[in-house]
Amino acid sequence: MADGNIRFVLLGTLTEIVADKSPAGLSPAEVRAYVSTNYERFIKVLEPLVPVYSLPRPPIPETRSDRTRANVAALELLARIDGGDQVGDREAANILGQYTGWGGLSIEENSHRFPDGYEVDPYALAHEFYTPRWLADEIARVLCPIVYDLRDGRGRLNALEPSAGTGRFVDALDRGCPRASLTWTAVEMSPISSA
């Protein structure tokens, strides 16, 4: 989570608590609109009260060699899981969270490292790109204040991610809008990145 996003999560949670028990004369939508309009002012108030820290997420590899190493590790983990190995959620999340796709990397030079049945589609070489985590977090920061007003009468919101990739938008919105009760339908063409 980008620096300061914990304040955003806290503000979203506090907003929902207050909106659920709206002060006399105010509707939940009016409470949310007020917070959304005055978002920067509320964040400034929270700054000295809430230390900045990041929730643990694995770093995204950037160099070609680190990306290749992380991608091969993700393929190996998927092969282990498909083979029946039990893998802890945290371990799986850390390894799969570092998968960057093969865009700009050499599939040919690394194909001997791929587990059987996990050959990478050559189409991925030119076309796989996943939105940077910082950008997904920032989009979530902007969207979350209005997400609450889009919920149905039961307090839920159906959300569609038509090109899910490795799930960075789903993750960012789930982290940024923890009380939004989002029900996701995520579609991804690649069986590897969607794992």
C-alpha atoms as a PDB file:
ATOM      1  CA  MET A   1       0.000   0.000   0.000  1.00  0.00           C
ATOM      2  CA  ALA A   2       1.445   3.359  -0.955  1.00  0.00           C
ATOM      3  CA  ASP A   3       2.562   5.654   1.849  1.00  0.00           C
ATOM      4  CA  GLY A   4      -0.412   7.367   3.404  1.00  0.00           C
ATOM      5  CA  ASN A   5      -2.977   4.861   2.118  1.00  0.00           C
ATOM      6  CA  ILE A   6      -3.522   3.514   5.625  1.00  0.00           C
ATOM      7  CA  ARG A   7      -4.976   6.934   6.433  1.00  0.00           C
ATOM      8  CA  PHE A   8      -7.227   6.599   3.410  1.00  0.00           C
ATOM      9  CA  VAL A   9      -8.419   3.160   4.565  1.00  0.00           C
ATOM     10  CA  LEU A  10      -9.028   4.499   8.069  1.00  0.00           C
ATOM     11  CA  LEU A  11     -10.952   7.490   6.717  1.00  0.00           C
ATOM     12  CA  GLY A  12     -13.092   5.211   4.538  1.00  0.00           C
ATOM     13  CA  THR A  13     -13.852   2.952   7.490  1.00  0.00           C
ATOM     14  CA  LEU A  14     -14.673   5.877   9.797  1.00  0.00           C
ATOM     15  CA  THR A  15     -16.891   7.389   7.100  1.00  0.00           C
ATOM     16  CA  GLU A  16     -18.889   4.170   6.839  1.00  0.00           C
ATOM     17  CA  ILE A  17     -19.275   3.899  10.606  1.00  0.00           C
ATOM     18  CA  VAL A  18     -20.580   7.475  10.791  1.00  0.00           C
ATOM     19  CA  ALA A  19     -22.761   7.035   7.674  1.00  0.00           C
ATOM     20  CA  ASP A  20     -24.325   3.874   9.140  1.00  0.00           C
ATOM     21  CA  LYS A  21     -25.293   5.900  12.229  1.00  0.00           C
ATOM     22  CA  SER A  22     -25.889   9.211  10.472  1.00  0.00           C
ATOM     23  CA  PRO A  23     -26.315  12.267  12.677  1.00  0.00           C
ATOM     24  CA  ALA A  24     -29.882  13.553  12.884  1.00  0.00           C
ATOM     25  CA  GLY A  25     -30.974  15.229   9.687  1.00  0.00           C
ATOM     26  CA  LEU A  26     -28.196  13.751   7.508  1.00  0.00           C
ATOM     27  CA  SER A  27     -28.544  10.822   5.151  1.00  0.00           C
ATOM     28  CA  PRO A  28     -25.670   8.332   4.731  1.00  0.00           C
ATOM     29  CA  ALA A  29     -25.145   9.710   1.201  1.00  0.00           C
ATOM     30  CA  GLU A  30     -24.799  13.249   2.599  1.00  0.00           C
ATOM     31  CA  VAL A  31     -22.196  12.095   5.145  1.00  0.00           C
ATOM     32  CA  ARG A  32     -20.211  10.344   2.396  1.00  0.00           C
ATOM     33  CA  ALA A  33     -20.478  13.367   0.092  1.00  0.00           C
ATOM     34  CA  TYR A  34     -19.240  15.677   2.855  1.00  0.00           C
ATOM     35  CA  VAL A  35     -16.230  13.464   3.560  1.00  0.00           C
ATOM     36  CA  SER A  36     -15.508  13.098  -0.155  1.00  0.00           C
ATOM     37  CA  THR A  37     -15.660  16.872  -0.677  1.00  0.00           C
ATOM     38  CA  ASN A  38     -13.394  17.511   2.330  1.00  0.00           C
ATOM     39  CA  TYR A  39     -11.132  14.491   1.836  1.00  0.00           C
ATOM     40  CA  GLU A  40      -7.807  16.393   1.856  1.00  0.00           C
ATOM     41  CA  ARG A  41      -8.753  18.252   5.044  1.00  0.00           C
ATOM     42  CA  PHE A  42      -9.628  14.993   6.830  1.00  0.00           C
ATOM     43  CA  ILE A  43      -6.375  13.358   5.718  1.00  0.00           C
ATOM     44  CA  LYS A  44      -4.406  16.331   7.101  1.00  0.00           C
ATOM     45  CA  VAL A  45      -6.158  15.863  10.463  1.00  0.00           C
ATOM     46  CA  LEU A  46      -5.271  12.153  10.465  1.00  0.00           C
ATOM     47  CA  GLU A  47      -1.602  12.700   9.487  1.00  0.00           C
ATOM     48  CA  PRO A  48      -0.213  13.334  12.981  1.00  0.00           C
ATOM     49  CA  LEU A  49      -2.455  10.681  14.523  1.00  0.00           C
ATOM     50  CA  VAL A  50      -1.803   7.730  12.216  1.00  0.00           C
ATOM     51  CA  PRO A  51       1.754   6.667  11.428  1.00  0.00           C
ATOM     52  CA  VAL A  52       2.517   5.850   7.818  1.00  0.00           C
ATOM     53  CA  TYR A  53       3.273   2.210   7.226  1.00  0.00           C
ATOM     54  CA  SER A  54       2.708  -0.234   4.454  1.00  0.00           C
ATOM     55  CA  LEU A  55       0.725  -3.409   4.652  1.00  0.00           C
ATOM     56  CA  PRO A  56       3.002  -6.239   3.566  1.00  0.00           C
ATOM     57  CA  ARG A  57       2.989  -6.913  -0.146  1.00  0.00           C
ATOM     58  CA  PRO A  58       5.918  -8.339  -2.061  1.00  0.00           C
ATOM     59  CA  PRO A  59       8.019  -5.900  -4.037  1.00  0.00           C
ATOM     60  CA  ILE A  60       7.438  -5.904  -7.782  1.00  0.00           C
ATOM     61  CA  PRO A  61      10.644  -6.937  -9.570  1.00  0.00           C
ATOM     62  CA  GLU A  62      11.938  -4.368 -12.024  1.00  0.00           C
ATOM     63  CA  THR A  63      15.118  -5.645 -13.686  1.00  0.00           C
ATOM     64  CA  ARG A  64      14.902  -8.197 -16.494  1.00  0.00           C
ATOM     65  CA  SER A  65      16.760 -10.813 -14.443  1.00  0.00           C
ATOM     66  CA  ASP A  66      14.612 -10.226 -11.328  1.00  0.00           C
ATOM     67  CA  ARG A  67      11.419 -10.325 -13.407  1.00  0.00           C
ATOM     68  CA  THR A  68      12.508 -13.549 -15.108  1.00  0.00           C
ATOM     69  CA  ARG A  69      13.424 -15.146 -11.777  1.00  0.00           C
ATOM     70  CA  ALA A  70      10.072 -14.116 -10.236  1.00  0.00           C
ATOM     71  CA  ASN A  71       8.083 -15.322 -13.259  1.00  0.00           C
ATOM     72  CA  VAL A  72       9.795 -18.731 -13.258  1.00  0.00           C
ATOM     73  CA  ALA A  73       9.203 -19.019  -9.483  1.00  0.00           C
ATOM     74  CA  ALA A  74       5.490 -18.320 -10.062  1.00  0.00           C
ATOM     75  CA  LEU A  75       5.306 -21.012 -12.767  1.00  0.00           C
ATOM     76  CA  GLU A  76       7.078 -23.490 -10.478  1.00  0.00           C
ATOM     77  CA  LEU A  77       4.661 -22.703  -7.639  1.00  0.00           C
ATOM     78  CA  LEU A  78       1.641 -23.223  -9.902  1.00  0.00           C
ATOM     79  CA  ALA A  79       3.068 -26.581 -11.000  1.00  0.00           C
ATOM     80  CA  ARG A  80       3.562 -27.577  -7.346  1.00  0.00           C
ATOM     81  CA  ILE A  81       0.008 -26.593  -6.441  1.00  0.00           C
ATOM     82  CA  ASP A  82      -1.427 -28.406  -9.473  1.00  0.00           C
ATOM     83  CA  GLY A  83       0.672 -31.414  -8.443  1.00  0.00           C
ATOM     84  CA  GLY A  84      -1.093 -31.506  -5.073  1.00  0.00           C
ATOM     85  CA  ASP A  85       1.414 -29.689  -2.865  1.00  0.00           C
ATOM     86  CA  GLN A  86      -0.050 -27.712   0.005  1.00  0.00           C
ATOM     87  CA  VAL A  87       1.273 -24.169  -0.044  1.00  0.00           C
ATOM     88  CA  GLY A  88       0.606 -21.534   2.595  1.00  0.00           C
ATOM     89  CA  ASP A  89      -1.509 -18.573   1.529  1.00  0.00           C
ATOM     90  CA  ARG A  90       1.201 -16.070   2.469  1.00  0.00           C
ATOM     91  CA  GLU A  91       3.884 -17.957   0.540  1.00  0.00           C
ATOM     92  CA  ALA A  92       1.647 -18.257  -2.518  1.00  0.00           C
ATOM     93  CA  ALA A  93       0.636 -14.591  -2.350  1.00  0.00           C
ATOM     94  CA  ASN A  94       4.259 -13.470  -2.073  1.00  0.00           C
ATOM     95  CA  ILE A  95       5.428 -15.562  -5.012  1.00  0.00           C
ATOM     96  CA  LEU A  96       2.441 -14.997  -7.294  1.00  0.00           C
ATOM     97  CA  GLY A  97       2.334 -11.306  -6.367  1.00  0.00           C
ATOM     98  CA  GLN A  98       5.726 -10.832  -7.994  1.00  0.00           C
ATOM     99  CA  TYR A  99       4.654 -12.240 -11.372  1.00  0.00           C
ATOM    100  CA  THR A 100       5.111  -9.494 -13.976  1.00  0.00           C
ATOM    101  CA  GLY A 101       4.324 -11.288 -17.227  1.00  0.00           C
ATOM    102  CA  TRP A 102       6.710 -11.888 -20.105  1.00  0.00           C
ATOM    103  CA  GLY A 103       6.359  -8.595 -21.955  1.00  0.00           C
ATOM    104  CA  GLY A 104       9.867  -7.486 -22.888  1.00  0.00           C
ATOM    105  CA  LEU A 105      11.521 -10.686 -21.625  1.00  0.00           C
ATOM    106  CA  SER A 106      12.884 -13.662 -23.550  1.00  0.00           C
ATOM    107  CA  ILE A 107      10.610 -16.679 -23.509  1.00  0.00           C
ATOM    108  CA  GLU A 108      12.948 -18.595 -25.805  1.00  0.00           C
ATOM    109  CA  GLU A 109      15.993 -18.185 -23.536  1.00  0.00           C
ATOM    110  CA  ASN A 110      14.043 -19.362 -20.495  1.00  0.00           C
ATOM    111  CA  SER A 111      11.708 -22.037 -21.877  1.00  0.00           C
ATOM    112  CA  HIS A 112      13.978 -24.801 -20.519  1.00  0.00           C
ATOM    113  CA  ARG A 113      13.187 -23.482 -17.009  1.00  0.00           C
ATOM    114  CA  PHE A 114       9.404 -23.737 -17.385  1.00  0.00           C
ATOM    115  CA  PRO A 115       7.688 -26.675 -15.662  1.00  0.00           C
ATOM    116  CA  ASP A 116       6.013 -29.196 -17.985  1.00  0.00           C
ATOM    117  CA  GLY A 117       2.597 -27.942 -19.012  1.00  0.00           C
ATOM    118  CA  TYR A 118       3.434 -24.320 -18.224  1.00  0.00           C
ATOM    119  CA  GLU A 119       4.731 -23.114 -21.536  1.00  0.00           C
ATOM    120  CA  VAL A 120       4.275 -19.382 -21.972  1.00  0.00           C
ATOM    121  CA  ASP A 121       2.215 -18.183 -24.919  1.00  0.00           C
ATOM    122  CA  PRO A 122       4.468 -16.259 -27.354  1.00  0.00           C
ATOM    123  CA  TYR A 123       1.639 -13.696 -27.625  1.00  0.00           C
ATOM    124  CA  ALA A 124       2.510 -12.725 -24.044  1.00  0.00           C
ATOM    125  CA  LEU A 125       5.980 -11.623 -25.074  1.00  0.00           C
ATOM    126  CA  ALA A 126       4.743  -8.483 -26.758  1.00  0.00           C
ATOM    127  CA  HIS A 127       1.425  -7.912 -25.035  1.00  0.00           C
ATOM    128  CA  GLU A 128       1.663  -8.660 -21.321  1.00  0.00           C
ATOM    129  CA  PHE A 129       1.826  -5.525 -19.228  1.00  0.00           C
ATOM    130  CA  TYR A 130       0.301  -5.119 -15.803  1.00  0.00           C
ATOM    131  CA  THR A 131      -0.657  -1.756 -14.386  1.00  0.00           C
ATOM    132  CA  PRO A 132       1.899  -0.664 -11.800  1.00  0.00           C
ATOM    133  CA  ARG A 133       0.727  -1.182  -8.226  1.00  0.00           C
ATOM    134  CA  TRP A 134       1.216   2.498  -7.332  1.00  0.00           C
ATOM    135  CA  LEU A 135      -1.171   3.491 -10.143  1.00  0.00           C
ATOM    136  CA  ALA A 136      -3.813   0.937  -9.112  1.00  0.00           C
ATOM    137  CA  ASP A 137      -3.527   2.215  -5.506  1.00  0.00           C
ATOM    138  CA  GLU A 138      -3.967   5.816  -6.652  1.00  0.00           C
ATOM    139  CA  ILE A 139      -7.014   4.949  -8.773  1.00  0.00           C
ATOM    140  CA  ALA A 140      -8.502   3.156  -5.761  1.00  0.00           C
ATOM    141  CA  ARG A 141      -7.826   6.230  -3.616  1.00  0.00           C
ATOM    142  CA  VAL A 142      -9.845   8.357  -6.046  1.00  0.00           C
ATOM    143  CA  LEU A 143     -12.666   5.830  -6.565  1.00  0.00           C
ATOM    144  CA  CYS A 144     -13.261   4.619  -3.016  1.00  0.00           C
ATOM    145  CA  PRO A 145     -15.080   7.724  -1.728  1.00  0.00           C
ATOM    146  CA  ILE A 146     -17.753   7.287  -4.429  1.00  0.00           C
ATOM    147  CA  VAL A 147     -17.905   3.478  -4.345  1.00  0.00           C
ATOM    148  CA  TYR A 148     -20.004   3.503  -1.170  1.00  0.00           C
ATOM    149  CA  ASP A 149     -22.773   5.484  -2.880  1.00  0.00           C
ATOM    150  CA  LEU A 150     -22.990   2.951  -5.715  1.00  0.00           C
ATOM    151  CA  ARG A 151     -23.965   0.009  -3.493  1.00  0.00           C
ATOM    152  CA  ASP A 152     -27.344  -1.660  -3.860  1.00  0.00           C
ATOM    153  CA  GLY A 153     -30.063  -1.762  -1.200  1.00  0.00           C
ATOM    154  CA  ARG A 154     -28.281  -4.616   0.592  1.00  0.00           C
ATOM    155  CA  GLY A 155     -25.062  -2.602   0.821  1.00  0.00           C
ATOM    156  CA  ARG A 156     -23.237  -4.596  -1.869  1.00  0.00           C
ATOM    157  CA  LEU A 157     -21.657  -3.595  -5.146  1.00  0.00           C
ATOM    158  CA  ASN A 158     -21.001  -5.885  -8.085  1.00  0.00           C
ATOM    159  CA  ALA A 159     -17.715  -4.939  -9.733  1.00  0.00           C
ATOM    160  CA  LEU A 160     -16.301  -6.098 -13.067  1.00  0.00           C
ATOM    161  CA  GLU A 161     -12.591  -6.218 -13.893  1.00  0.00           C
ATOM    162  CA  PRO A 162     -12.608  -7.175 -17.607  1.00  0.00           C
ATOM    163  CA  SER A 163      -8.841  -7.480 -17.925  1.00  0.00           C
ATOM    164  CA  ALA A 164      -7.722  -8.595 -14.475  1.00  0.00           C
ATOM    165  CA  GLY A 165      -4.099  -9.472 -15.189  1.00  0.00           C
ATOM    166  CA  THR A 166      -2.558 -10.259 -11.823  1.00  0.00           C
ATOM    167  CA  GLY A 167      -5.412  -8.615  -9.927  1.00  0.00           C
ATOM    168  CA  ARG A 168      -3.807  -5.324  -8.949  1.00  0.00           C
ATOM    169  CA  PHE A 169      -7.015  -3.276  -9.331  1.00  0.00           C
ATOM    170  CA  VAL A 170      -9.037  -5.847  -7.391  1.00  0.00           C
ATOM    171  CA  ASP A 171      -6.389  -5.860  -4.645  1.00  0.00           C
ATOM    172  CA  ALA A 172      -6.119  -2.061  -4.546  1.00  0.00           C
ATOM    173  CA  LEU A 173      -9.883  -1.543  -4.303  1.00  0.00           C
ATOM    174  CA  ASP A 174     -10.339  -4.298  -1.722  1.00  0.00           C
ATOM    175  CA  ARG A 175      -7.585  -2.754   0.410  1.00  0.00           C
ATOM    176  CA  GLY A 176      -8.691   0.830  -0.168  1.00  0.00           C
ATOM    177  CA  CYS A 177     -12.446   0.260   0.296  1.00  0.00           C
ATOM    178  CA  PRO A 178     -12.562  -2.451   2.973  1.00  0.00           C
ATOM    179  CA  ARG A 179     -16.199  -1.840   3.886  1.00  0.00           C
ATOM    180  CA  ALA A 180     -17.505  -1.467   0.336  1.00  0.00           C
ATOM    181  CA  SER A 181     -18.631  -5.119   0.140  1.00  0.00           C
ATOM    182  CA  LEU A 182     -17.439  -5.464  -3.446  1.00  0.00           C
ATOM    183  CA  THR A 183     -18.401  -8.678  -5.230  1.00  0.00           C
ATOM    184  CA  TRP A 184     -15.908  -9.127  -8.042  1.00  0.00           C
ATOM    185  CA  THR A 185     -16.203 -10.728 -11.438  1.00  0.00           C
ATOM    186  CA  ALA A 186     -12.671 -10.749 -12.803  1.00  0.00           C
ATOM    187  CA  VAL A 187     -11.866 -11.924 -16.326  1.00  0.00           C
ATOM    188  CA  GLU A 188      -8.350 -12.749 -17.493  1.00  0.00           C
ATOM    189  CA  MET A 189      -7.188 -14.441 -20.674  1.00  0.00           C
ATOM    190  CA  SER A 190      -3.891 -15.761 -19.299  1.00  0.00           C
ATOM    191  CA  PRO A 191      -4.222 -18.854 -17.094  1.00  0.00           C
ATOM    192  CA  ILE A 192      -0.868 -18.005 -15.515  1.00  0.00           C
ATOM    193  CA  SER A 193      -1.492 -14.400 -14.503  1.00  0.00           C
ATOM    194  CA  SER A 194      -5.021 -15.206 -13.349  1.00  0.00           C
ATOM    195  CA  ALA A 195      -3.829 -17.906 -10.936  1.00  0.00           C
END
